[in-house]
Amino acid sequence: MTDLETPTGTEGKSLAPILQHSRDSVNEFAATIFPHDKHWGVAIRTERYRYIAWYKGVMTKKRSGARLKQKPQFTELYDYQSDPLERTNLSRNPSYQEIEEKLAKMNQAHVAATQNRQFSN
């Protein structure tokens, strides 16, 4: 779009397809993280679902920020097609087991990737 070269050492994907065609997507999901009562909620949002895994945060001296424990303490799952206001938590609902397992794997992979990118003190 600007005809500028990508600087060496940068990570990520070009957002140009999204800017040129609003229906395009760069990633399969968007991720957010937010703190609440000594836990960290890591949410994976796809076009249809939002899966939130609540991890206990652990402070370490060699990392900036809290490290998250391996397994979430509890989870939430919402289907925006049938419940856009997030009123019914579908986590552990047998009808959504397959989608929850897929989103849980995406969530855990995201947490692992971002934990490994934290700066060492």
C-alpha atoms as a PDB file:
ATOM      1  CA  MET A   1       0.000   0.000   0.000  1.00  0.00           C
ATOM      2  CA  THR A   2       2.818   2.388   0.813  1.00  0.00           C
ATOM      3  CA  ASP A   3       5.485   0.622  -1.251  1.00  0.00           C
ATOM      4  CA  LEU A   4       7.774   0.605   1.789  1.00  0.00           C
ATOM      5  CA  GLU A   5       9.970  -2.411   2.466  1.00  0.00           C
ATOM      6  CA  THR A   6       9.273  -4.436   5.614  1.00  0.00           C
ATOM      7  CA  PRO A   7      12.042  -3.799   8.173  1.00  0.00           C
ATOM      8  CA  THR A   8      14.284  -6.759   9.031  1.00  0.00           C
ATOM      9  CA  GLY A   9      13.440  -8.540  12.282  1.00  0.00           C
ATOM     10  CA  THR A  10       9.755  -7.657  12.433  1.00  0.00           C
ATOM     11  CA  GLU A  11       7.075 -10.191  13.307  1.00  0.00           C
ATOM     12  CA  GLY A  12       3.469 -10.362  12.249  1.00  0.00           C
ATOM     13  CA  LYS A  13       1.329 -10.325   9.167  1.00  0.00           C
ATOM     14  CA  SER A  14       0.343  -7.572   6.813  1.00  0.00           C
ATOM     15  CA  LEU A  15      -2.998  -5.898   7.569  1.00  0.00           C
ATOM     16  CA  ALA A  16      -3.238  -4.631   3.995  1.00  0.00           C
ATOM     17  CA  PRO A  17      -5.744  -7.347   2.957  1.00  0.00           C
ATOM     18  CA  ILE A  18      -8.096  -6.243   5.719  1.00  0.00           C
ATOM     19  CA  LEU A  19      -7.720  -2.584   4.857  1.00  0.00           C
ATOM     20  CA  GLN A  20      -8.387  -3.278   1.191  1.00  0.00           C
ATOM     21  CA  HIS A  21     -11.158  -5.876   1.662  1.00  0.00           C
ATOM     22  CA  SER A  22     -12.957  -5.636   4.998  1.00  0.00           C
ATOM     23  CA  ARG A  23     -14.215  -9.259   4.853  1.00  0.00           C
ATOM     24  CA  ASP A  24     -10.681 -10.674   4.726  1.00  0.00           C
ATOM     25  CA  SER A  25      -8.972 -12.034   7.831  1.00  0.00           C
ATOM     26  CA  VAL A  26      -5.341 -12.244   8.869  1.00  0.00           C
ATOM     27  CA  ASN A  27      -5.771 -14.643  11.802  1.00  0.00           C
ATOM     28  CA  GLU A  28      -8.242 -17.349  12.732  1.00  0.00           C
ATOM     29  CA  PHE A  29      -8.934 -15.584  16.037  1.00  0.00           C
ATOM     30  CA  ALA A  30      -8.369 -12.467  18.086  1.00  0.00           C
ATOM     31  CA  ALA A  31      -6.925 -12.809  21.587  1.00  0.00           C
ATOM     32  CA  THR A  32      -7.306 -10.623  24.646  1.00  0.00           C
ATOM     33  CA  ILE A  33      -5.989 -10.898  28.189  1.00  0.00           C
ATOM     34  CA  PHE A  34      -7.366  -9.189  31.258  1.00  0.00           C
ATOM     35  CA  PRO A  35      -6.808  -9.469  35.035  1.00  0.00           C
ATOM     36  CA  HIS A  36      -9.472 -10.191  37.660  1.00  0.00           C
ATOM     37  CA  ASP A  37      -8.959 -11.162  41.302  1.00  0.00           C
ATOM     38  CA  LYS A  38      -5.460 -12.722  40.972  1.00  0.00           C
ATOM     39  CA  HIS A  39      -6.465 -14.536  37.776  1.00  0.00           C
ATOM     40  CA  TRP A  40      -5.800 -13.733  34.144  1.00  0.00           C
ATOM     41  CA  GLY A  41      -8.550 -14.253  31.604  1.00  0.00           C
ATOM     42  CA  VAL A  42      -7.179 -15.200  28.202  1.00  0.00           C
ATOM     43  CA  ALA A  43      -9.930 -15.016  25.594  1.00  0.00           C
ATOM     44  CA  ILE A  44      -9.953 -16.450  22.090  1.00  0.00           C
ATOM     45  CA  ARG A  45     -12.601 -14.842  19.867  1.00  0.00           C
ATOM     46  CA  THR A  46     -13.521 -16.389  16.536  1.00  0.00           C
ATOM     47  CA  GLU A  47     -16.259 -15.161  14.263  1.00  0.00           C
ATOM     48  CA  ARG A  48     -18.804 -17.304  16.129  1.00  0.00           C
ATOM     49  CA  TYR A  49     -17.372 -18.197  19.557  1.00  0.00           C
ATOM     50  CA  ARG A  50     -15.564 -16.711  22.527  1.00  0.00           C
ATOM     51  CA  TYR A  51     -13.615 -19.036  24.795  1.00  0.00           C
ATOM     52  CA  ILE A  52     -12.099 -17.665  28.005  1.00  0.00           C
ATOM     53  CA  ALA A  53      -9.634 -19.591  30.150  1.00  0.00           C
ATOM     54  CA  TRP A  54      -8.933 -18.195  33.604  1.00  0.00           C
ATOM     55  CA  TYR A  55      -5.358 -18.830  34.716  1.00  0.00           C
ATOM     56  CA  LYS A  56      -3.780 -18.197  38.094  1.00  0.00           C
ATOM     57  CA  GLY A  57      -0.961 -15.677  37.770  1.00  0.00           C
ATOM     58  CA  VAL A  58       2.413 -16.377  39.376  1.00  0.00           C
ATOM     59  CA  MET A  59       5.019 -13.648  39.773  1.00  0.00           C
ATOM     60  CA  THR A  60       8.630 -14.619  39.030  1.00  0.00           C
ATOM     61  CA  LYS A  61      11.816 -12.620  39.516  1.00  0.00           C
ATOM     62  CA  LYS A  62      13.327 -13.431  36.122  1.00  0.00           C
ATOM     63  CA  ARG A  63      10.353 -12.324  34.008  1.00  0.00           C
ATOM     64  CA  SER A  64       8.450  -9.093  33.619  1.00  0.00           C
ATOM     65  CA  GLY A  65       4.783  -9.593  34.437  1.00  0.00           C
ATOM     66  CA  ALA A  66       2.990 -12.585  35.839  1.00  0.00           C
ATOM     67  CA  ARG A  67       3.540 -16.079  34.498  1.00  0.00           C
ATOM     68  CA  LEU A  68       0.399 -18.125  34.033  1.00  0.00           C
ATOM     69  CA  LYS A  69      -0.046 -21.607  35.466  1.00  0.00           C
ATOM     70  CA  GLN A  70      -0.286 -24.382  32.868  1.00  0.00           C
ATOM     71  CA  LYS A  71      -3.935 -25.326  33.376  1.00  0.00           C
ATOM     72  CA  PRO A  72      -6.787 -22.839  33.653  1.00  0.00           C
ATOM     73  CA  GLN A  73      -8.712 -22.728  36.922  1.00  0.00           C
ATOM     74  CA  PHE A  74     -12.038 -22.419  35.091  1.00  0.00           C
ATOM     75  CA  THR A  75     -13.346 -21.682  31.587  1.00  0.00           C
ATOM     76  CA  GLU A  76     -16.182 -19.986  29.746  1.00  0.00           C
ATOM     77  CA  LEU A  77     -17.585 -20.567  26.254  1.00  0.00           C
ATOM     78  CA  TYR A  78     -20.136 -18.427  24.431  1.00  0.00           C
ATOM     79  CA  ASP A  79     -21.839 -18.917  21.069  1.00  0.00           C
ATOM     80  CA  TYR A  80     -22.449 -15.500  19.511  1.00  0.00           C
ATOM     81  CA  GLN A  81     -24.864 -16.943  16.981  1.00  0.00           C
ATOM     82  CA  SER A  82     -27.345 -18.016  19.669  1.00  0.00           C
ATOM     83  CA  ASP A  83     -26.195 -15.860  22.611  1.00  0.00           C
ATOM     84  CA  PRO A  84     -24.629 -12.543  21.517  1.00  0.00           C
ATOM     85  CA  LEU A  85     -24.954 -11.101  25.040  1.00  0.00           C
ATOM     86  CA  GLU A  86     -22.962 -13.942  26.682  1.00  0.00           C
ATOM     87  CA  ARG A  87     -25.708 -14.974  29.084  1.00  0.00           C
ATOM     88  CA  THR A  88     -25.160 -18.754  28.967  1.00  0.00           C
ATOM     89  CA  ASN A  89     -21.783 -20.300  29.668  1.00  0.00           C
ATOM     90  CA  LEU A  90     -21.553 -23.375  27.429  1.00  0.00           C
ATOM     91  CA  SER A  91     -18.259 -24.611  28.835  1.00  0.00           C
ATOM     92  CA  ARG A  92     -18.468 -28.342  29.581  1.00  0.00           C
ATOM     93  CA  ASN A  93     -21.744 -28.622  27.654  1.00  0.00           C
ATOM     94  CA  PRO A  94     -21.543 -31.980  25.823  1.00  0.00           C
ATOM     95  CA  SER A  95     -23.073 -30.443  22.680  1.00  0.00           C
ATOM     96  CA  TYR A  96     -20.110 -28.052  22.430  1.00  0.00           C
ATOM     97  CA  GLN A  97     -17.333 -30.438  23.496  1.00  0.00           C
ATOM     98  CA  GLU A  98     -15.619 -30.577  20.100  1.00  0.00           C
ATOM     99  CA  ILE A  99     -15.548 -26.802  19.597  1.00  0.00           C
ATOM    100  CA  GLU A 100     -14.442 -26.238  23.197  1.00  0.00           C
ATOM    101  CA  GLU A 101     -11.533 -28.662  22.776  1.00  0.00           C
ATOM    102  CA  LYS A 102     -10.449 -26.881  19.582  1.00  0.00           C
ATOM    103  CA  LEU A 103     -10.658 -23.433  21.190  1.00  0.00           C
ATOM    104  CA  ALA A 104      -8.876 -24.676  24.333  1.00  0.00           C
ATOM    105  CA  LYS A 105      -5.944 -25.867  22.195  1.00  0.00           C
ATOM    106  CA  MET A 106      -5.820 -22.507  20.413  1.00  0.00           C
ATOM    107  CA  ASN A 107      -5.900 -20.747  23.787  1.00  0.00           C
ATOM    108  CA  GLN A 108      -3.119 -22.887  25.252  1.00  0.00           C
ATOM    109  CA  ALA A 109      -0.956 -22.398  22.158  1.00  0.00           C
ATOM    110  CA  HIS A 110      -1.474 -18.636  22.372  1.00  0.00           C
ATOM    111  CA  VAL A 111      -0.561 -18.589  26.075  1.00  0.00           C
ATOM    112  CA  ALA A 112       2.568 -20.682  25.446  1.00  0.00           C
ATOM    113  CA  ALA A 113       3.683 -18.417  22.596  1.00  0.00           C
ATOM    114  CA  THR A 114       3.139 -15.182  24.494  1.00  0.00           C
ATOM    115  CA  GLN A 115       4.687 -16.501  27.728  1.00  0.00           C
ATOM    116  CA  ASN A 116       7.863 -17.351  25.824  1.00  0.00           C
ATOM    117  CA  ARG A 117       8.062 -13.788  24.461  1.00  0.00           C
ATOM    118  CA  GLN A 118       8.122 -12.090  27.853  1.00  0.00           C
ATOM    119  CA  PHE A 119      11.231 -10.083  28.546  1.00  0.00           C
ATOM    120  CA  SER A 120      13.751 -11.395  31.060  1.00  0.00           C
ATOM    121  CA  ASN A 121      14.833  -8.933  33.749  1.00  0.00           C
END
